[in-house]
Amino acid sequence: MKSTNRWLCAIAAVTVLTAVLATVALLLAAPALAAEGPAAAIDPGVLRWGFASAAASAGLAALGAGYAVAQVGTAALGALAEKPELFGRVLVMVGLAEGIAIYGLIVSILILNRLG
C-alpha cells in the first residue's frame, strides 16, 4: 500500500473514532445536562436520542459527502486532464457533492433547536 493511502486510512480512522467518542460523550452527558437547569422539562431519554440523532445526521452526512467528493473529484480530474475547458462544469459537480454535508448540518441544527 502506498504511503498516501496509509495516511488517508489513518485520517479516516481518526475521524471515525472522534465521531464515535463525541456521540458516546453526548449520550452519557444527556441526563446530567437535562438535570442542570430548572427550565429543562424534557425527559432525559428524549434528550439522549435527540443528541444521538443530531450527531448521526451530521456525521453520516459528512461521511457521505466525503465519499461523494472523492468519487466526483477523481472523475473530475480525469475529465480535466483531457478537456481543461470543462473546469466550470466540474467545479459545480464537486460543489453539489459537498452540499450533502451542509444539508446534514442543517438537519442537525434543526434537531437541536427542537430539543430546547
PDB file of N, CA and C in Angstrom:
ATOM      1  N   MET A   1       0.849  -1.177   0.000  1.00  0.00           N
ATOM      2  CA  MET A   1       0.000   0.000   0.000  1.00  0.00           C
ATOM      3  C   MET A   1       0.894   1.238   0.000  1.00  0.00           C
ATOM      4  N   LYS A   2       0.511   2.230  -0.771  1.00  0.00           N
ATOM      5  CA  LYS A   2       1.277   3.463  -0.841  1.00  0.00           C
ATOM      6  C   LYS A   2       1.193   4.212   0.484  1.00  0.00           C
ATOM      7  N   SER A   3       2.172   5.075   0.710  1.00  0.00           N
ATOM      8  CA  SER A   3       2.163   5.850   1.953  1.00  0.00           C
ATOM      9  C   SER A   3       1.004   6.840   1.971  1.00  0.00           C
ATOM     10  N   THR A   4       0.574   7.319   0.774  1.00  0.00           N
ATOM     11  CA  THR A   4      -0.570   8.227   0.709  1.00  0.00           C
ATOM     12  C   THR A   4      -1.837   7.518   1.164  1.00  0.00           C
ATOM     13  N   ASN A   5      -2.009   6.276   0.725  1.00  0.00           N
ATOM     14  CA  ASN A   5      -3.183   5.508   1.143  1.00  0.00           C
ATOM     15  C   ASN A   5      -3.160   5.230   2.638  1.00  0.00           C
ATOM     16  N   ARG A   6      -1.988   5.016   3.182  1.00  0.00           N
ATOM     17  CA  ARG A   6      -1.892   4.789   4.627  1.00  0.00           C
ATOM     18  C   ARG A   6      -2.293   6.031   5.401  1.00  0.00           C
ATOM     19  N   TRP A   7      -1.849   7.196   4.921  1.00  0.00           N
ATOM     20  CA  TRP A   7      -2.222   8.446   5.588  1.00  0.00           C
ATOM     21  C   TRP A   7      -3.712   8.681   5.495  1.00  0.00           C
ATOM     22  N   LEU A   8      -4.299   8.421   4.333  1.00  0.00           N
ATOM     23  CA  LEU A   8      -5.744   8.616   4.190  1.00  0.00           C
ATOM     24  C   LEU A   8      -6.521   7.667   5.089  1.00  0.00           C
ATOM     25  N   CYS A   9      -6.067   6.430   5.190  1.00  0.00           N
ATOM     26  CA  CYS A   9      -6.723   5.472   6.086  1.00  0.00           C
ATOM     27  C   CYS A   9      -6.582   5.894   7.544  1.00  0.00           C
ATOM     28  N   ALA A  10      -5.433   6.410   7.908  1.00  0.00           N
ATOM     29  CA  ALA A  10      -5.224   6.862   9.279  1.00  0.00           C
ATOM     30  C   ALA A  10      -6.099   8.067   9.593  1.00  0.00           C
ATOM     31  N   ILE A  11      -6.208   8.997   8.653  1.00  0.00           N
ATOM     32  CA  ILE A  11      -7.056  10.166   8.869  1.00  0.00           C
ATOM     33  C   ILE A  11      -8.512   9.758   8.974  1.00  0.00           C
ATOM     34  N   ALA A  12      -8.941   8.836   8.123  1.00  0.00           N
ATOM     35  CA  ALA A  12     -10.325   8.358   8.182  1.00  0.00           C
ATOM     36  C   ALA A  12     -10.601   7.643   9.503  1.00  0.00           C
ATOM     37  N   ALA A  13      -9.657   6.850   9.976  1.00  0.00           N
ATOM     38  CA  ALA A  13      -9.838   6.137  11.239  1.00  0.00           C
ATOM     39  C   ALA A  13      -9.934   7.112  12.412  1.00  0.00           C
ATOM     40  N   VAL A  14      -9.093   8.142  12.417  1.00  0.00           N
ATOM     41  CA  VAL A  14      -9.133   9.132  13.494  1.00  0.00           C
ATOM     42  C   VAL A  14     -10.452   9.901  13.461  1.00  0.00           C
ATOM     43  N   THR A  15     -10.931  10.218  12.260  1.00  0.00           N
ATOM     44  CA  THR A  15     -12.197  10.945  12.129  1.00  0.00           C
ATOM     45  C   THR A  15     -13.358  10.118  12.642  1.00  0.00           C
ATOM     46  N   VAL A  16     -13.401   8.849  12.260  1.00  0.00           N
ATOM     47  CA  VAL A  16     -14.482   7.974  12.718  1.00  0.00           C
ATOM     48  C   VAL A  16     -14.402   7.781  14.228  1.00  0.00           C
ATOM     49  N   LEU A  17     -13.218   7.599  14.761  1.00  0.00           N
ATOM     50  CA  LEU A  17     -13.052   7.423  16.202  1.00  0.00           C
ATOM     51  C   LEU A  17     -13.499   8.666  16.957  1.00  0.00           C
ATOM     52  N   THR A  18     -13.169   9.839  16.443  1.00  0.00           N
ATOM     53  CA  THR A  18     -13.591  11.083  17.075  1.00  0.00           C
ATOM     54  C   THR A  18     -15.108  11.218  17.056  1.00  0.00           C
ATOM     55  N   ALA A  19     -15.728  10.864  15.939  1.00  0.00           N
ATOM     56  CA  ALA A  19     -17.185  10.945  15.846  1.00  0.00           C
ATOM     57  C   ALA A  19     -17.858   9.973  16.821  1.00  0.00           C
ATOM     58  N   VAL A  20     -17.320   8.779  16.946  1.00  0.00           N
ATOM     59  CA  VAL A  20     -17.892   7.797  17.869  1.00  0.00           C
ATOM     60  C   VAL A  20     -17.739   8.274  19.308  1.00  0.00           C
ATOM     61  N   LEU A  21     -16.565   8.792  19.658  1.00  0.00           N
ATOM     62  CA  LEU A  21     -16.346   9.272  21.023  1.00  0.00           C
ATOM     63  C   LEU A  21     -17.236  10.474  21.351  1.00  0.00           C
ATOM     64  N   ALA A  22     -17.438  11.363  20.380  1.00  0.00           N
ATOM     65  CA  ALA A  22     -18.316  12.515  20.616  1.00  0.00           C
ATOM     66  C   ALA A  22     -19.757  12.067  20.815  1.00  0.00           C
ATOM     67  N   THR A  23     -20.195  11.083  20.042  1.00  0.00           N
ATOM     68  CA  THR A  23     -21.558  10.574  20.185  1.00  0.00           C
ATOM     69  C   THR A  23     -21.746   9.905  21.540  1.00  0.00           C
ATOM     70  N   VAL A  24     -20.784   9.101  21.957  1.00  0.00           N
ATOM     71  CA  VAL A  24     -20.878   8.431  23.258  1.00  0.00           C
ATOM     72  C   VAL A  24     -20.864   9.461  24.384  1.00  0.00           C
ATOM     73  N   ALA A  25     -20.040  10.499  24.257  1.00  0.00           N
ATOM     74  CA  ALA A  25     -19.995  11.530  25.293  1.00  0.00           C
ATOM     75  C   ALA A  25     -21.324  12.266  25.394  1.00  0.00           C
ATOM     76  N   LEU A  26     -21.940  12.554  24.263  1.00  0.00           N
ATOM     77  CA  LEU A  26     -23.248  13.212  24.292  1.00  0.00           C
ATOM     78  C   LEU A  26     -24.321  12.312  24.903  1.00  0.00           C
ATOM     79  N   LEU A  27     -24.266  11.030  24.580  1.00  0.00           N
ATOM     80  CA  LEU A  27     -25.255  10.109  25.144  1.00  0.00           C
ATOM     81  C   LEU A  27     -25.102   9.964  26.654  1.00  0.00           C
ATOM     82  N   LEU A  28     -23.866   9.943  27.124  1.00  0.00           N
ATOM     83  CA  LEU A  28     -23.640   9.803  28.558  1.00  0.00           C
ATOM     84  C   LEU A  28     -23.898  11.098  29.320  1.00  0.00           C
ATOM     85  N   ALA A  29     -23.710  12.240  28.667  1.00  0.00           N
ATOM     86  CA  ALA A  29     -23.879  13.523  29.341  1.00  0.00           C
ATOM     87  C   ALA A  29     -25.316  14.031  29.302  1.00  0.00           C
ATOM     88  N   ALA A  30     -26.184  13.397  28.536  1.00  0.00           N
ATOM     89  CA  ALA A  30     -27.554  13.892  28.376  1.00  0.00           C
ATOM     90  C   ALA A  30     -28.315  13.982  29.705  1.00  0.00           C
ATOM     91  N   PRO A  31     -28.294  12.960  30.583  1.00  0.00           N
ATOM     92  CA  PRO A  31     -29.032  13.114  31.844  1.00  0.00           C
ATOM     93  C   PRO A  31     -28.487  14.237  32.726  1.00  0.00           C
ATOM     94  N   ALA A  32     -27.176  14.403  32.755  1.00  0.00           N
ATOM     95  CA  ALA A  32     -26.591  15.474  33.568  1.00  0.00           C
ATOM     96  C   ALA A  32     -26.950  16.842  32.997  1.00  0.00           C
ATOM     97  N   LEU A  33     -26.970  16.955  31.680  1.00  0.00           N
ATOM     98  CA  LEU A  33     -27.341  18.222  31.062  1.00  0.00           C
ATOM     99  C   LEU A  33     -28.818  18.538  31.278  1.00  0.00           C
ATOM    100  N   ALA A  34     -29.643  17.510  31.286  1.00  0.00           N
ATOM    101  CA  ALA A  34     -31.076  17.722  31.499  1.00  0.00           C
ATOM    102  C   ALA A  34     -31.363  18.128  32.939  1.00  0.00           C
ATOM    103  N   ALA A  35     -30.563  17.671  33.887  1.00  0.00           N
ATOM    104  CA  ALA A  35     -30.801  17.956  35.291  1.00  0.00           C
ATOM    105  C   ALA A  35     -30.189  19.286  35.745  1.00  0.00           C
ATOM    106  N   GLU A  36     -29.406  19.931  34.884  1.00  0.00           N
ATOM    107  CA  GLU A  36     -28.729  21.162  35.288  1.00  0.00           C
ATOM    108  C   GLU A  36     -29.673  22.319  35.539  1.00  0.00           C
ATOM    109  N   GLY A  37     -30.496  22.627  34.585  1.00  0.00           N
ATOM    110  CA  GLY A  37     -31.322  23.824  34.699  1.00  0.00           C
ATOM    111  C   GLY A  37     -32.747  23.504  35.123  1.00  0.00           C
ATOM    112  N   PRO A  38     -33.408  24.438  35.837  1.00  0.00           N
ATOM    113  CA  PRO A  38     -34.780  24.205  36.246  1.00  0.00           C
ATOM    114  C   PRO A  38     -35.756  24.274  35.067  1.00  0.00           C
ATOM    115  N   ALA A  39     -35.357  24.894  33.954  1.00  0.00           N
ATOM    116  CA  ALA A  39     -36.252  25.038  32.816  1.00  0.00           C
ATOM    117  C   ALA A  39     -36.257  23.795  31.931  1.00  0.00           C
ATOM    118  N   ALA A  40     -35.371  22.835  32.194  1.00  0.00           N
ATOM    119  CA  ALA A  40     -35.289  21.635  31.369  1.00  0.00           C
ATOM    120  C   ALA A  40     -36.354  20.641  31.810  1.00  0.00           C
ATOM    121  N   ALA A  41     -37.474  20.648  31.112  1.00  0.00           N
ATOM    122  CA  ALA A  41     -38.562  19.738  31.435  1.00  0.00           C
ATOM    123  C   ALA A  41     -38.628  18.580  30.451  1.00  0.00           C
ATOM    124  N   ILE A  42     -37.566  18.368  29.682  1.00  0.00           N
ATOM    125  CA  ILE A  42     -37.540  17.300  28.685  1.00  0.00           C
ATOM    126  C   ILE A  42     -37.050  16.022  29.354  1.00  0.00           C
ATOM    127  N   ASP A  43     -37.677  14.925  28.991  1.00  0.00           N
ATOM    128  CA  ASP A  43     -37.287  13.618  29.503  1.00  0.00           C
ATOM    129  C   ASP A  43     -35.841  13.325  29.082  1.00  0.00           C
ATOM    130  N   PRO A  44     -35.004  12.827  29.988  1.00  0.00           N
ATOM    131  CA  PRO A  44     -33.602  12.553  29.640  1.00  0.00           C
ATOM    132  C   PRO A  44     -33.459  11.553  28.495  1.00  0.00           C
ATOM    133  N   GLY A  45     -34.385  10.619  28.380  1.00  0.00           N
ATOM    134  CA  GLY A  45     -34.318   9.668  27.272  1.00  0.00           C
ATOM    135  C   GLY A  45     -34.542  10.346  25.934  1.00  0.00           C
ATOM    136  N   VAL A  46     -35.480  11.281  25.898  1.00  0.00           N
ATOM    137  CA  VAL A  46     -35.739  12.030  24.666  1.00  0.00           C
ATOM    138  C   VAL A  46     -34.529  12.893  24.330  1.00  0.00           C
ATOM    139  N   LEU A  47     -33.941  13.497  25.333  1.00  0.00           N
ATOM    140  CA  LEU A  47     -32.765  14.332  25.123  1.00  0.00           C
ATOM    141  C   LEU A  47     -31.598  13.499  24.600  1.00  0.00           C
ATOM    142  N   ARG A  48     -31.437  12.322  25.160  1.00  0.00           N
ATOM    143  CA  ARG A  48     -30.355  11.426  24.729  1.00  0.00           C
ATOM    144  C   ARG A  48     -30.526  11.047  23.260  1.00  0.00           C
ATOM    145  N   TRP A  49     -31.741  10.658  22.878  1.00  0.00           N
ATOM    146  CA  TRP A  49     -31.981  10.270  21.483  1.00  0.00           C
ATOM    147  C   TRP A  49     -31.902  11.481  20.558  1.00  0.00           C
ATOM    148  N   GLY A  50     -32.273  12.649  21.046  1.00  0.00           N
ATOM    149  CA  GLY A  50     -32.148  13.853  20.241  1.00  0.00           C
ATOM    150  C   GLY A  50     -30.696  14.178  19.932  1.00  0.00           C
ATOM    151  N   PHE A  51     -29.838  14.092  20.947  1.00  0.00           N
ATOM    152  CA  PHE A  51     -28.408  14.328  20.727  1.00  0.00           C
ATOM    153  C   PHE A  51     -27.820  13.279  19.792  1.00  0.00           C
ATOM    154  N   ALA A  52     -28.231  12.024  19.985  1.00  0.00           N
ATOM    155  CA  ALA A  52     -27.712  10.950  19.129  1.00  0.00           C
ATOM    156  C   ALA A  52     -28.145  11.162  17.678  1.00  0.00           C
ATOM    157  N   SER A  53     -29.392  11.568  17.471  1.00  0.00           N
ATOM    158  CA  SER A  53     -29.853  11.770  16.102  1.00  0.00           C
ATOM    159  C   SER A  53     -29.184  12.987  15.459  1.00  0.00           C
ATOM    160  N   ALA A  54     -28.922  14.023  16.240  1.00  0.00           N
ATOM    161  CA  ALA A  54     -28.219  15.193  15.697  1.00  0.00           C
ATOM    162  C   ALA A  54     -26.787  14.827  15.310  1.00  0.00           C
ATOM    163  N   ALA A  55     -26.125  14.063  16.165  1.00  0.00           N
ATOM    164  CA  ALA A  55     -24.754  13.635  15.854  1.00  0.00           C
ATOM    165  C   ALA A  55     -24.736  12.700  14.658  1.00  0.00           C
ATOM    166  N   ALA A  56     -25.713  11.805  14.574  1.00  0.00           N
ATOM    167  CA  ALA A  56     -25.760  10.862  13.455  1.00  0.00           C
ATOM    168  C   ALA A  56     -26.043  11.579  12.136  1.00  0.00           C
ATOM    169  N   SER A  57     -26.944  12.548  12.162  1.00  0.00           N
ATOM    170  CA  SER A  57     -27.255  13.243  10.911  1.00  0.00           C
ATOM    171  C   SER A  57     -26.062  14.026  10.394  1.00  0.00           C
ATOM    172  N   ALA A  58     -25.353  14.705  11.272  1.00  0.00           N
ATOM    173  CA  ALA A  58     -24.182  15.466  10.837  1.00  0.00           C
ATOM    174  C   ALA A  58     -23.034  14.534  10.433  1.00  0.00           C
ATOM    175  N   GLY A  59     -22.811  13.502  11.225  1.00  0.00           N
ATOM    176  CA  GLY A  59     -21.704  12.583  10.942  1.00  0.00           C
ATOM    177  C   GLY A  59     -21.904  11.775   9.677  1.00  0.00           C
ATOM    178  N   LEU A  60     -23.091  11.217   9.503  1.00  0.00           N
ATOM    179  CA  LEU A  60     -23.344  10.410   8.312  1.00  0.00           C
ATOM    180  C   LEU A  60     -23.396  11.265   7.050  1.00  0.00           C
ATOM    181  N   ALA A  61     -23.891  12.482   7.168  1.00  0.00           N
ATOM    182  CA  ALA A  61     -23.895  13.376   6.011  1.00  0.00           C
ATOM    183  C   ALA A  61     -22.467  13.747   5.618  1.00  0.00           C
ATOM    184  N   ALA A  62     -21.613  13.991   6.597  1.00  0.00           N
ATOM    185  CA  ALA A  62     -20.214  14.302   6.297  1.00  0.00           C
ATOM    186  C   ALA A  62     -19.502  13.101   5.682  1.00  0.00           C
ATOM    187  N   LEU A  63     -19.822  11.909   6.176  1.00  0.00           N
ATOM    188  CA  LEU A  63     -19.235  10.693   5.615  1.00  0.00           C
ATOM    189  C   LEU A  63     -19.680  10.503   4.170  1.00  0.00           C
ATOM    190  N   GLY A  64     -20.961  10.691   3.906  1.00  0.00           N
ATOM    191  CA  GLY A  64     -21.468  10.566   2.549  1.00  0.00           C
ATOM    192  C   GLY A  64     -20.906  11.629   1.624  1.00  0.00           C
ATOM    193  N   ALA A  65     -20.771  12.845   2.133  1.00  0.00           N
ATOM    194  CA  ALA A  65     -20.210  13.920   1.318  1.00  0.00           C
ATOM    195  C   ALA A  65     -18.740  13.653   0.996  1.00  0.00           C
ATOM    196  N   GLY A  66     -18.017  13.131   1.960  1.00  0.00           N
ATOM    197  CA  GLY A  66     -16.615  12.798   1.707  1.00  0.00           C
ATOM    198  C   GLY A  66     -16.467  11.738   0.631  1.00  0.00           C
ATOM    199  N   TYR A  67     -17.327  10.729   0.687  1.00  0.00           N
ATOM    200  CA  TYR A  67     -17.294   9.687  -0.339  1.00  0.00           C
ATOM    201  C   TYR A  67     -17.680  10.257  -1.700  1.00  0.00           C
ATOM    202  N   ALA A  68     -18.713  11.093  -1.738  1.00  0.00           N
ATOM    203  CA  ALA A  68     -19.160  11.684  -2.999  1.00  0.00           C
ATOM    204  C   ALA A  68     -18.093  12.591  -3.597  1.00  0.00           C
ATOM    205  N   VAL A  69     -17.444  13.394  -2.768  1.00  0.00           N
ATOM    206  CA  VAL A  69     -16.391  14.282  -3.273  1.00  0.00           C
ATOM    207  C   VAL A  69     -15.213  13.462  -3.783  1.00  0.00           C
ATOM    208  N   ALA A  70     -14.897  12.362  -3.121  1.00  0.00           N
ATOM    209  CA  ALA A  70     -13.804  11.508  -3.589  1.00  0.00           C
ATOM    210  C   ALA A  70     -14.115  10.937  -4.966  1.00  0.00           C
ATOM    211  N   GLN A  71     -15.335  10.442  -5.138  1.00  0.00           N
ATOM    212  CA  GLN A  71     -15.701   9.852  -6.428  1.00  0.00           C
ATOM    213  C   GLN A  71     -15.795  10.916  -7.524  1.00  0.00           C
ATOM    214  N   VAL A  72     -16.471  12.010  -7.235  1.00  0.00           N
ATOM    215  CA  VAL A  72     -16.643  13.066  -8.235  1.00  0.00           C
ATOM    216  C   VAL A  72     -15.304  13.749  -8.523  1.00  0.00           C
ATOM    217  N   GLY A  73     -14.513  13.974  -7.492  1.00  0.00           N
ATOM    218  CA  GLY A  73     -13.221  14.621  -7.691  1.00  0.00           C
ATOM    219  C   GLY A  73     -12.272  13.799  -8.549  1.00  0.00           C
ATOM    220  N   THR A  74     -12.286  12.487  -8.362  1.00  0.00           N
ATOM    221  CA  THR A  74     -11.448  11.613  -9.170  1.00  0.00           C
ATOM    222  C   THR A  74     -11.861  11.681 -10.636  1.00  0.00           C
ATOM    223  N   ALA A  75     -13.161  11.590 -10.870  1.00  0.00           N
ATOM    224  CA  ALA A  75     -13.650  11.674 -12.248  1.00  0.00           C
ATOM    225  C   ALA A  75     -13.399  13.068 -12.831  1.00  0.00           C
ATOM    226  N   ALA A  76     -13.506  14.095 -11.989  1.00  0.00           N
ATOM    227  CA  ALA A  76     -13.291  15.463 -12.459  1.00  0.00           C
ATOM    228  C   ALA A  76     -11.845  15.674 -12.898  1.00  0.00           C
ATOM    229  N   LEU A  77     -10.907  15.142 -12.144  1.00  0.00           N
ATOM    230  CA  LEU A  77      -9.501  15.283 -12.539  1.00  0.00           C
ATOM    231  C   LEU A  77      -9.216  14.563 -13.840  1.00  0.00           C
ATOM    232  N   GLY A  78      -9.843  13.414 -14.032  1.00  0.00           N
ATOM    233  CA  GLY A  78      -9.678  12.700 -15.300  1.00  0.00           C
ATOM    234  C   GLY A  78     -10.254  13.490 -16.460  1.00  0.00           C
ATOM    235  N   ALA A  79     -11.420  14.098 -16.251  1.00  0.00           N
ATOM    236  CA  ALA A  79     -12.040  14.886 -17.315  1.00  0.00           C
ATOM    237  C   ALA A  79     -11.226  16.145 -17.606  1.00  0.00           C
ATOM    238  N   LEU A  80     -10.699  16.780 -16.570  1.00  0.00           N
ATOM    239  CA  LEU A  80      -9.906  17.999 -16.774  1.00  0.00           C
ATOM    240  C   LEU A  80      -8.575  17.714 -17.463  1.00  0.00           C
ATOM    241  N   ALA A  81      -8.055  16.506 -17.275  1.00  0.00           N
ATOM    242  CA  ALA A  81      -6.802  16.156 -17.949  1.00  0.00           C
ATOM    243  C   ALA A  81      -7.009  16.088 -19.455  1.00  0.00           C
ATOM    244  N   GLU A  82      -8.195  15.665 -19.877  1.00  0.00           N
ATOM    245  CA  GLU A  82      -8.475  15.566 -21.306  1.00  0.00           C
ATOM    246  C   GLU A  82      -9.021  16.860 -21.886  1.00  0.00           C
ATOM    247  N   LYS A  83      -9.909  17.550 -21.148  1.00  0.00           N
ATOM    248  CA  LYS A  83     -10.525  18.784 -21.642  1.00  0.00           C
ATOM    249  C   LYS A  83     -10.496  19.843 -20.541  1.00  0.00           C
ATOM    250  N   PRO A  84      -9.499  20.696 -20.512  1.00  0.00           N
ATOM    251  CA  PRO A  84      -9.406  21.723 -19.463  1.00  0.00           C
ATOM    252  C   PRO A  84     -10.543  22.748 -19.494  1.00  0.00           C
ATOM    253  N   GLU A  85     -11.252  22.864 -20.589  1.00  0.00           N
ATOM    254  CA  GLU A  85     -12.340  23.834 -20.673  1.00  0.00           C
ATOM    255  C   GLU A  85     -13.571  23.410 -19.879  1.00  0.00           C
ATOM    256  N   LEU A  86     -13.577  22.221 -19.324  1.00  0.00           N
ATOM    257  CA  LEU A  86     -14.706  21.750 -18.512  1.00  0.00           C
ATOM    258  C   LEU A  86     -14.594  22.148 -17.046  1.00  0.00           C
ATOM    259  N   PHE A  87     -13.661  23.031 -16.722  1.00  0.00           N
ATOM    260  CA  PHE A  87     -13.401  23.365 -15.316  1.00  0.00           C
ATOM    261  C   PHE A  87     -14.648  23.883 -14.597  1.00  0.00           C
ATOM    262  N   GLY A  88     -15.392  24.773 -15.216  1.00  0.00           N
ATOM    263  CA  GLY A  88     -16.583  25.347 -14.575  1.00  0.00           C
ATOM    264  C   GLY A  88     -17.641  24.299 -14.265  1.00  0.00           C
ATOM    265  N   ARG A  89     -17.890  23.412 -15.202  1.00  0.00           N
ATOM    266  CA  ARG A  89     -18.886  22.359 -15.000  1.00  0.00           C
ATOM    267  C   ARG A  89     -18.446  21.380 -13.916  1.00  0.00           C
ATOM    268  N   VAL A  90     -17.168  21.052 -13.934  1.00  0.00           N
ATOM    269  CA  VAL A  90     -16.636  20.108 -12.945  1.00  0.00           C
ATOM    270  C   VAL A  90     -16.698  20.708 -11.552  1.00  0.00           C
ATOM    271  N   LEU A  91     -16.415  21.993 -11.447  1.00  0.00           N
ATOM    272  CA  LEU A  91     -16.458  22.665 -10.151  1.00  0.00           C
ATOM    273  C   LEU A  91     -17.868  22.637  -9.564  1.00  0.00           C
ATOM    274  N   VAL A  92     -18.864  22.802 -10.411  1.00  0.00           N
ATOM    275  CA  VAL A  92     -20.254  22.742  -9.956  1.00  0.00           C
ATOM    276  C   VAL A  92     -20.588  21.339  -9.439  1.00  0.00           C
ATOM    277  N   MET A  93     -20.129  20.313 -10.117  1.00  0.00           N
ATOM    278  CA  MET A  93     -20.411  18.936  -9.685  1.00  0.00           C
ATOM    279  C   MET A  93     -19.774  18.624  -8.324  1.00  0.00           C
ATOM    280  N   VAL A  94     -18.553  19.074  -8.134  1.00  0.00           N
ATOM    281  CA  VAL A  94     -17.898  18.848  -6.840  1.00  0.00           C
ATOM    282  C   VAL A  94     -18.608  19.651  -5.748  1.00  0.00           C
ATOM    283  N   GLY A  95     -19.054  20.851  -6.073  1.00  0.00           N
ATOM    284  CA  GLY A  95     -19.799  21.658  -5.098  1.00  0.00           C
ATOM    285  C   GLY A  95     -21.115  21.019  -4.710  1.00  0.00           C
ATOM    286  N   LEU A  96     -21.794  20.385  -5.660  1.00  0.00           N
ATOM    287  CA  LEU A  96     -23.039  19.684  -5.332  1.00  0.00           C
ATOM    288  C   LEU A  96     -22.780  18.509  -4.396  1.00  0.00           C
ATOM    289  N   ALA A  97     -21.670  17.831  -4.598  1.00  0.00           N
ATOM    290  CA  ALA A  97     -21.329  16.719  -3.703  1.00  0.00           C
ATOM    291  C   ALA A  97     -21.029  17.228  -2.292  1.00  0.00           C
ATOM    292  N   GLU A  98     -20.420  18.397  -2.176  1.00  0.00           N
ATOM    293  CA  GLU A  98     -20.123  18.963  -0.859  1.00  0.00           C
ATOM    294  C   GLU A  98     -21.386  19.455  -0.156  1.00  0.00           C
ATOM    295  N   GLY A  99     -22.409  19.772  -0.921  1.00  0.00           N
ATOM    296  CA  GLY A  99     -23.660  20.253  -0.345  1.00  0.00           C
ATOM    297  C   GLY A  99     -24.336  19.243   0.558  1.00  0.00           C
ATOM    298  N   ILE A 100     -24.037  17.970   0.380  1.00  0.00           N
ATOM    299  CA  ILE A 100     -24.637  16.931   1.214  1.00  0.00           C
ATOM    300  C   ILE A 100     -24.282  17.157   2.683  1.00  0.00           C
ATOM    301  N   ALA A 101     -23.046  17.532   2.960  1.00  0.00           N
ATOM    302  CA  ALA A 101     -22.621  17.781   4.340  1.00  0.00           C
ATOM    303  C   ALA A 101     -23.347  18.987   4.923  1.00  0.00           C
ATOM    304  N   ILE A 102     -23.599  19.994   4.116  1.00  0.00           N
ATOM    305  CA  ILE A 102     -24.316  21.179   4.601  1.00  0.00           C
ATOM    306  C   ILE A 102     -25.753  20.819   4.964  1.00  0.00           C
ATOM    307  N   TYR A 103     -26.383  19.971   4.147  1.00  0.00           N
ATOM    308  CA  TYR A 103     -27.750  19.536   4.465  1.00  0.00           C
ATOM    309  C   TYR A 103     -27.788  18.773   5.790  1.00  0.00           C
ATOM    310  N   GLY A 104     -26.822  17.918   6.029  1.00  0.00           N
ATOM    311  CA  GLY A 104     -26.764  17.189   7.294  1.00  0.00           C
ATOM    312  C   GLY A 104     -26.558  18.108   8.471  1.00  0.00           C
ATOM    313  N   LEU A 105     -25.745  19.143   8.299  1.00  0.00           N
ATOM    314  CA  LEU A 105     -25.524  20.112   9.365  1.00  0.00           C
ATOM    315  C   LEU A 105     -26.803  20.890   9.667  1.00  0.00           C
ATOM    316  N   ILE A 106     -27.546  21.252   8.629  1.00  0.00           N
ATOM    317  CA  ILE A 106     -28.801  21.983   8.827  1.00  0.00           C
ATOM    318  C   ILE A 106     -29.805  21.119   9.569  1.00  0.00           C
ATOM    319  N   VAL A 107     -29.906  19.848   9.200  1.00  0.00           N
ATOM    320  CA  VAL A 107     -30.824  18.937   9.898  1.00  0.00           C
ATOM    321  C   VAL A 107     -30.412  18.786  11.351  1.00  0.00           C
ATOM    322  N   SER A 108     -29.116  18.688  11.610  1.00  0.00           N
ATOM    323  CA  SER A 108     -28.626  18.582  12.981  1.00  0.00           C
ATOM    324  C   SER A 108     -28.983  19.817  13.805  1.00  0.00           C
ATOM    325  N   ILE A 109     -28.832  20.997  13.225  1.00  0.00           N
ATOM    326  CA  ILE A 109     -29.190  22.234  13.929  1.00  0.00           C
ATOM    327  C   ILE A 109     -30.686  22.291  14.207  1.00  0.00           C
ATOM    328  N   LEU A 110     -31.494  21.859  13.245  1.00  0.00           N
ATOM    329  CA  LEU A 110     -32.950  21.839  13.453  1.00  0.00           C
ATOM    330  C   LEU A 110     -33.355  20.892  14.576  1.00  0.00           C
ATOM    331  N   ILE A 111     -32.694  19.738  14.653  1.00  0.00           N
ATOM    332  CA  ILE A 111     -32.986  18.782  15.731  1.00  0.00           C
ATOM    333  C   ILE A 111     -32.624  19.380  17.084  1.00  0.00           C
ATOM    334  N   LEU A 112     -31.446  20.002  17.156  1.00  0.00           N
ATOM    335  CA  LEU A 112     -31.026  20.595  18.437  1.00  0.00           C
ATOM    336  C   LEU A 112     -31.923  21.761  18.838  1.00  0.00           C
ATOM    337  N   ASN A 113     -32.432  22.517  17.872  1.00  0.00           N
ATOM    338  CA  ASN A 113     -33.371  23.604  18.198  1.00  0.00           C
ATOM    339  C   ASN A 113     -34.679  23.059  18.757  1.00  0.00           C
ATOM    340  N   ARG A 114     -35.113  21.912  18.269  1.00  0.00           N
ATOM    341  CA  ARG A 114     -36.355  21.328  18.767  1.00  0.00           C
ATOM    342  C   ARG A 114     -36.205  20.821  20.200  1.00  0.00           C
ATOM    343  N   LEU A 115     -34.989  20.482  20.590  1.00  0.00           N
ATOM    344  CA  LEU A 115     -34.761  19.980  21.948  1.00  0.00           C
ATOM    345  C   LEU A 115     -34.840  21.096  22.984  1.00  0.00           C
ATOM    346  N   GLY A 116     -34.688  22.306  22.566  1.00  0.00           N
ATOM    347  CA  GLY A 116     -34.827  23.407  23.515  1.00  0.00           C
ATOM    348  C   GLY A 116     -33.580  24.153  23.625  1.00  0.00           C
TER     349      GLY A 116
END
